[in-house]
Amino acid sequence: MRGKSIKLYIMGEKYKNLKTAELSNWTGKAYIGLRKHVQMLQSIEELSSPGIYILISEVEDSYQKKIYVGEADEVNTRIAEQFKKKDWWSDFVIFISKDTNLTKSHVRYLERELYEIALKNKTTIETTNGNTPPGSKLPISECDDMSGFNENIIFVLNNLGIIDFTKTQTNNQNNDSSSRRESDTFYMNVPGAKGEIAKEAKLMIIEGTYRLLTGSYIRKDHVNSFASHNYAKLRRQLEEEGFFEPSESESYFKLCRDVDFKSPSAAAAIVRNSSMNGRKEWKLKSGLSLDEFENRL
């Protein structure tokens, strides 16, 4: 696989660390900044054009980020409007085209595609859009162009540490057990009712993410102190959206789809329904903890 270069430009003293990011051989350009930069954007001529934007806030005690995905004909004007309407966000990213070839239809297409990708990344992203963006109909050739444009958007967001998009797997990949070796699988005991034999949850490290595997047992009861934790909110969301199914025991659910996490502790918290140190609790069959395993590599 060929690499890509990101050109990061820190704007002058007047702009107080407003940044731009570009990739080689890409017509796109990102503006990355804070709420305090919104007024400055109004004087940047190329931002008076169609673009897609993301409003961002950190979710406390969580690996998630809260985002809103939007588009506009004049993206700097829309950001100024959102500054007045929404007070929860602290950061923004704007994507435009340097050759001004993005149209209203293009940015509406990009908005819908990016929103749908964000929805699939529940363990790292909380979307706040009230409605699903309508998108737009484009010729097949332009759909391919915009999908490539969106791939570069995600590349920039991931590699600059702005938003983490984990790799969502298809059902066929989820059910392909032939590539999963027991020697690469981490296990965690999941206690049930008093006197009941503990069940197991399973986890693998896949391309930098921690994948909780289909068939893992999920504890139903929870520790009271965990109820207000952000991971408890994520767990409820996964349950409501059909990631859990009944098991043969009243003490457990079973995971019916693989779920990727950026933190092994987040995966452990979902399984045990309590705050856990996943690096200590996930272990290979040999007894080696995930923490020991990663530190020896």
Protein backbone atom coordinates (compact mmCIF):
# COMPACT_ATOMS: atom_id res chain seq x y z
CA MET A 1 0.00 0.00 0.00
CA ARG A 2 1.32 3.43 -0.94
CA GLY A 3 1.55 6.11 1.73
CA LYS A 4 0.18 9.63 1.64
CA SER A 5 1.68 12.94 2.71
CA ILE A 6 -0.29 15.45 4.76
CA LYS A 7 0.80 19.07 4.40
CA LEU A 8 -0.11 20.93 7.58
CA TYR A 9 0.08 24.72 7.59
CA ILE A 10 -0.16 26.71 10.82
CA MET A 11 -1.55 30.12 9.95
CA GLY A 12 0.13 33.33 11.14
CA GLU A 13 -0.04 35.11 14.48
CA LYS A 14 -3.23 36.91 13.48
CA TYR A 15 -5.07 33.59 13.26
CA LYS A 16 -3.65 32.07 16.47
CA ASN A 17 -3.08 28.52 15.28
CA LEU A 18 -5.92 28.10 12.80
CA LYS A 19 -4.60 25.29 10.58
CA THR A 20 -5.04 23.98 7.06
CA ALA A 21 -4.33 20.43 5.89
CA GLU A 22 -3.86 19.13 2.36
CA LEU A 23 -2.90 15.83 0.74
CA SER A 24 -0.68 15.49 -2.28
CA ASN A 25 -2.67 14.98 -5.49
CA TRP A 26 -5.99 15.86 -3.82
CA THR A 27 -8.12 18.87 -4.63
CA GLY A 28 -9.56 18.93 -1.12
CA LYS A 29 -8.44 21.20 1.68
CA ALA A 30 -9.25 21.17 5.39
CA TYR A 31 -9.51 24.10 7.79
CA ILE A 32 -9.09 23.00 11.41
CA GLY A 33 -9.86 25.33 14.30
CA LEU A 34 -11.65 26.26 17.51
CA ARG A 35 -14.74 28.32 18.31
CA LYS A 36 -12.53 31.37 18.74
CA HIS A 37 -11.57 31.15 15.05
CA VAL A 38 -15.13 31.42 13.70
CA GLN A 39 -15.00 35.17 13.16
CA MET A 40 -11.65 34.88 11.38
CA LEU A 41 -13.16 32.46 8.86
CA GLN A 42 -15.42 35.19 7.49
CA SER A 43 -12.46 36.97 5.88
CA ILE A 44 -11.12 33.87 4.08
CA GLU A 45 -12.45 34.09 0.54
CA GLU A 46 -12.19 30.42 -0.42
CA LEU A 47 -14.48 29.51 2.49
CA SER A 48 -17.32 31.49 0.86
CA SER A 49 -17.97 28.39 -1.23
CA PRO A 50 -19.70 25.01 -0.89
CA GLY A 51 -18.18 22.78 1.75
CA ILE A 52 -18.80 20.15 4.37
CA TYR A 53 -18.13 20.81 8.05
CA ILE A 54 -17.99 18.87 11.30
CA LEU A 55 -18.58 20.35 14.74
CA ILE A 56 -16.76 18.40 17.48
CA SER A 57 -16.75 18.05 21.25
CA GLU A 58 -14.91 15.63 23.52
CA VAL A 59 -17.11 13.24 25.52
CA GLU A 60 -15.73 13.25 29.07
CA ASP A 61 -14.31 9.95 30.42
CA SER A 62 -14.81 8.29 27.05
CA TYR A 63 -13.05 7.53 23.79
CA GLN A 64 -16.09 8.94 21.99
CA LYS A 65 -16.38 12.33 20.34
CA LYS A 66 -19.67 14.11 19.88
CA ILE A 67 -20.08 15.47 16.36
CA TYR A 68 -22.49 17.21 14.03
CA VAL A 69 -22.06 16.81 10.26
CA GLY A 70 -23.30 19.60 7.99
CA GLU A 71 -22.92 21.24 4.58
CA ALA A 72 -23.48 24.71 3.15
CA ASP A 73 -23.21 26.82 0.00
CA GLU A 74 -21.08 29.32 1.93
CA VAL A 75 -19.52 27.22 4.63
CA ASN A 76 -17.96 30.07 6.63
CA THR A 77 -21.34 31.78 6.96
CA ARG A 78 -22.97 28.54 8.14
CA ILE A 79 -20.29 27.97 10.77
CA ALA A 80 -21.00 31.47 12.12
CA GLU A 81 -24.70 30.58 12.36
CA GLN A 82 -23.90 27.35 14.18
CA PHE A 83 -21.72 29.32 16.60
CA LYS A 84 -24.86 31.17 17.71
CA LYS A 85 -27.23 28.16 17.66
CA LYS A 86 -25.09 25.42 19.22
CA ASP A 87 -22.90 26.01 22.26
CA TRP A 88 -21.78 22.43 22.99
CA TRP A 89 -19.00 22.19 20.39
CA SER A 90 -15.42 23.35 20.87
CA ASP A 91 -13.71 22.41 17.59
CA PHE A 92 -14.55 22.34 13.90
CA VAL A 93 -13.18 20.98 10.65
CA ILE A 94 -14.20 22.32 7.24
CA PHE A 95 -13.52 20.59 3.92
CA ILE A 96 -13.64 22.47 0.63
CA SER A 97 -12.24 22.03 -2.87
CA LYS A 98 -9.20 24.11 -3.85
CA ASP A 99 -10.35 24.18 -7.47
CA THR A 100 -13.91 25.22 -6.47
CA ASN A 101 -15.36 22.20 -8.25
CA LEU A 102 -17.57 21.12 -5.34
CA THR A 103 -21.22 21.98 -5.98
CA LYS A 104 -24.23 21.99 -3.67
CA SER A 105 -25.09 18.48 -4.89
CA HIS A 106 -21.56 17.28 -4.16
CA VAL A 107 -21.45 18.53 -0.57
CA ARG A 108 -24.93 17.15 0.14
CA TYR A 109 -23.71 13.77 -1.11
CA LEU A 110 -20.58 14.00 1.05
CA GLU A 111 -22.62 15.02 4.11
CA ARG A 112 -24.90 11.97 3.83
CA GLU A 113 -22.02 9.55 3.19
CA LEU A 114 -19.91 10.85 6.09
CA TYR A 115 -22.93 10.83 8.41
CA GLU A 116 -23.70 7.19 7.59
CA ILE A 117 -20.07 6.18 8.18
CA ALA A 118 -20.11 8.01 11.52
CA LEU A 119 -23.27 6.13 12.57
CA LYS A 120 -21.42 2.82 12.11
CA ASN A 121 -18.67 3.97 14.50
CA LYS A 122 -20.74 3.95 17.67
CA THR A 123 -17.86 3.18 19.99
CA THR A 124 -15.88 6.28 18.97
CA ILE A 125 -18.50 8.74 17.65
CA GLU A 126 -21.77 10.12 19.00
CA THR A 127 -23.70 11.87 16.22
CA THR A 128 -26.04 14.75 17.12
CA ASN A 129 -27.77 15.35 13.78
CA GLY A 130 -31.50 15.45 14.47
CA ASN A 131 -32.34 13.99 11.06
CA THR A 132 -30.60 11.90 8.45
CA PRO A 133 -29.14 14.24 5.78
CA PRO A 134 -31.06 13.88 2.48
CA GLY A 135 -27.97 13.49 0.30
CA SER A 136 -28.25 13.97 -3.46
CA LYS A 137 -28.39 11.97 -6.69
CA LEU A 138 -25.23 12.12 -8.76
CA PRO A 139 -24.04 10.35 -11.93
CA ILE A 140 -22.12 7.16 -11.19
CA SER A 141 -18.82 8.74 -12.20
CA GLU A 142 -19.33 11.61 -9.75
CA CYS A 143 -20.41 9.22 -6.99
CA ASP A 144 -17.06 7.48 -7.41
CA ASP A 145 -15.26 10.83 -7.30
CA MET A 146 -17.08 11.87 -4.12
CA SER A 147 -16.49 8.50 -2.44
CA GLY A 148 -12.78 9.00 -3.09
CA PHE A 149 -13.03 12.54 -1.72
CA ASN A 150 -14.69 11.19 1.42
CA GLU A 151 -11.98 8.56 1.87
CA ASN A 152 -9.44 11.38 1.97
CA ILE A 153 -11.59 13.28 4.48
CA ILE A 154 -11.52 10.25 6.78
CA PHE A 155 -7.78 9.78 6.20
CA VAL A 156 -7.12 13.35 7.35
CA LEU A 157 -9.45 13.07 10.35
CA ASN A 158 -7.96 9.76 11.49
CA ASN A 159 -4.30 10.55 10.96
CA LEU A 160 -4.41 13.98 12.56
CA GLY A 161 -6.17 12.47 15.59
CA ILE A 162 -9.27 14.62 15.11
CA ILE A 163 -11.88 11.83 14.93
CA ASP A 164 -11.31 8.07 15.12
CA PHE A 165 -13.17 6.04 12.53
CA THR A 166 -12.83 2.35 13.36
CA LYS A 167 -13.17 -0.20 10.57
CA THR A 168 -16.73 -1.49 10.55
CA GLN A 169 -16.93 -5.07 9.35
CA THR A 170 -19.54 -6.61 7.07
CA ASN A 171 -21.60 -9.61 8.18
CA ASN A 172 -19.53 -11.93 5.99
CA GLN A 173 -16.36 -10.78 7.68
CA ASN A 174 -18.00 -11.08 11.10
CA ASN A 175 -18.85 -14.72 10.48
CA ASP A 176 -15.50 -15.72 9.01
CA SER A 177 -14.03 -17.68 11.90
CA SER A 178 -11.38 -19.39 9.77
CA SER A 179 -9.01 -16.43 10.12
CA ARG A 180 -9.35 -16.29 13.91
CA ARG A 181 -6.76 -18.27 15.81
CA GLU A 182 -7.18 -19.14 19.47
CA SER A 183 -3.59 -18.07 20.10
CA ASP A 184 -4.56 -14.51 19.05
CA THR A 185 -7.75 -14.35 21.10
CA PHE A 186 -8.04 -12.65 24.50
CA TYR A 187 -10.60 -13.86 27.01
CA MET A 188 -12.38 -12.40 30.01
CA ASN A 189 -14.51 -14.18 32.61
CA VAL A 190 -18.01 -12.75 32.90
CA PRO A 191 -19.69 -13.52 36.26
CA GLY A 192 -23.39 -14.33 36.37
CA ALA A 193 -25.81 -15.09 39.20
CA LYS A 194 -24.48 -16.46 42.48
CA GLY A 195 -23.49 -20.08 42.04
CA GLU A 196 -23.59 -19.89 38.25
CA ILE A 197 -20.49 -20.83 36.26
CA ALA A 198 -18.91 -17.73 34.71
CA LYS A 199 -19.09 -17.34 30.94
CA GLU A 200 -16.48 -15.88 28.58
CA ALA A 201 -16.12 -12.89 26.29
CA LYS A 202 -13.59 -12.86 23.45
CA LEU A 203 -11.51 -10.07 21.95
CA MET A 204 -8.92 -9.71 19.18
CA ILE A 205 -6.60 -6.90 18.14
CA ILE A 206 -7.36 -6.06 14.50
CA GLU A 207 -5.35 -3.32 12.78
CA GLY A 208 -5.03 -1.19 15.88
CA THR A 209 -8.58 -1.67 17.15
CA TYR A 210 -9.92 -4.00 19.82
CA ARG A 211 -12.65 -6.19 18.36
CA LEU A 212 -15.20 -7.71 20.72
CA LEU A 213 -16.20 -10.92 18.98
CA THR A 214 -19.61 -12.27 18.09
CA GLY A 215 -20.77 -14.86 20.64
CA SER A 216 -19.21 -13.09 23.62
CA TYR A 217 -21.34 -13.19 26.77
CA ILE A 218 -22.52 -9.85 28.12
CA ARG A 219 -23.44 -9.49 31.79
CA LYS A 220 -26.97 -8.19 32.40
CA ASP A 221 -26.65 -6.94 35.99
CA HIS A 222 -24.56 -3.84 36.59
CA VAL A 223 -22.70 -2.08 39.39
CA ASN A 224 -24.73 0.91 40.60
CA SER A 225 -21.76 3.27 40.36
CA PHE A 226 -21.49 2.44 36.65
CA ALA A 227 -24.96 3.70 35.75
CA SER A 228 -23.82 7.28 35.12
CA HIS A 229 -20.61 6.35 33.28
CA ASN A 230 -20.33 7.23 29.57
CA TYR A 231 -19.62 3.59 28.75
CA ALA A 232 -22.96 2.71 30.35
CA LYS A 233 -24.63 5.06 27.88
CA LEU A 234 -22.79 3.39 25.01
CA ARG A 235 -23.81 -0.03 26.28
CA ARG A 236 -27.48 0.99 26.38
CA GLN A 237 -27.16 2.29 22.84
CA LEU A 238 -25.70 -1.01 21.61
CA GLU A 239 -28.46 -2.93 23.38
CA GLU A 240 -31.21 -0.72 21.92
CA GLU A 241 -29.80 -1.11 18.42
CA GLY A 242 -29.82 -4.90 18.46
CA PHE A 243 -26.18 -5.81 19.12
CA PHE A 244 -27.24 -8.12 21.98
CA GLU A 245 -29.45 -11.20 21.84
CA PRO A 246 -30.84 -13.50 24.55
CA SER A 247 -28.65 -16.37 25.74
CA GLU A 248 -29.45 -19.69 27.39
CA SER A 249 -29.01 -17.98 30.77
CA GLU A 250 -31.09 -15.17 32.29
CA SER A 251 -27.84 -13.64 33.60
CA TYR A 252 -26.39 -12.88 30.17
CA PHE A 253 -26.90 -11.49 26.73
CA LYS A 254 -24.79 -12.70 23.80
CA LEU A 255 -23.15 -10.38 21.30
CA CYS A 256 -24.57 -11.02 17.83
CA ARG A 257 -22.23 -8.72 15.86
CA ASP A 258 -18.55 -7.87 16.14
CA VAL A 259 -17.91 -4.43 17.65
CA ASP A 260 -14.66 -2.48 17.30
CA PHE A 261 -13.32 -0.31 20.14
CA LYS A 262 -10.37 2.04 20.43
CA SER A 263 -9.95 1.08 24.09
CA PRO A 264 -9.81 -2.45 25.60
CA SER A 265 -11.28 -0.96 28.79
CA ALA A 266 -14.33 0.21 26.86
CA ALA A 267 -14.84 -3.32 25.52
CA ALA A 268 -14.40 -4.73 29.04
CA ALA A 269 -16.91 -2.24 30.48
CA ILE A 270 -19.52 -3.24 27.90
CA VAL A 271 -18.99 -6.94 28.74
CA ARG A 272 -18.92 -6.71 32.53
CA ASN A 273 -21.34 -3.74 32.86
CA SER A 274 -18.88 -2.00 35.18
CA SER A 275 -15.74 0.11 34.93
CA MET A 276 -12.76 -2.15 34.21
CA ASN A 277 -9.05 -1.97 33.41
CA GLY A 278 -9.23 -3.88 30.15
CA ARG A 279 -5.47 -4.08 29.71
CA LYS A 280 -5.23 -6.15 32.90
CA GLU A 281 -8.46 -8.14 32.54
CA TRP A 282 -8.23 -9.36 28.92
CA LYS A 283 -5.90 -12.39 28.84
CA LEU A 284 -4.65 -15.00 26.39
CA LYS A 285 -5.27 -18.66 27.23
CA SER A 286 -1.66 -18.73 28.44
CA GLY A 287 -2.57 -16.18 31.14
CA LEU A 288 -0.62 -13.33 29.53
CA SER A 289 -2.54 -10.05 29.93
CA LEU A 290 -3.20 -7.75 27.01
CA ASP A 291 -0.98 -5.15 28.67
CA GLU A 292 1.91 -7.62 28.94
CA PHE A 293 1.30 -8.80 25.38
CA GLU A 294 1.43 -5.28 23.90
CA ASN A 295 4.47 -4.27 25.94
CA ARG A 296 6.52 -7.21 24.71
CA LEU A 297 5.95 -6.45 21.01
